[in-house]
Amino acid sequence: MLQIAGKTFLTGLGALSLAREMAKKVADELAKKGGATRDETMELIRKLEDKGKVEKESLRAAIGLKCCTAGQLRLATRQDIERLEQKLDELREKLS
């Protein structure tokens, strides 16, 4: 599950990076054609980058809520299980 989440996260980052590049190209074309000044296109790019950062953090938070490390799940280790088995054996002996 963690691998899938990691791949999804990287895919999202890749998409954001690609969108940023495309936005710069569109902004440059607008500036060349006279549809906007260079300053206006740079402001557009800044706004898109800011929105992308917000989306990235939102994605990161969503993945963080769904995924936990083994330590956070507090799963039993092999040693924990062996210790419990030993205690069970001791209790069985006392009961017999």
Foldseek 3Di string as FASTA:
>chain_A
DVVVLVVVLVVLVVVLVVVLVVLLVVLVVCCVVVVDPNVVSVVVSVVSVVVSVVVSVVSVVVSVVVDDDCVVVVDDDPVNVVVVVVVVVVVVVVVD
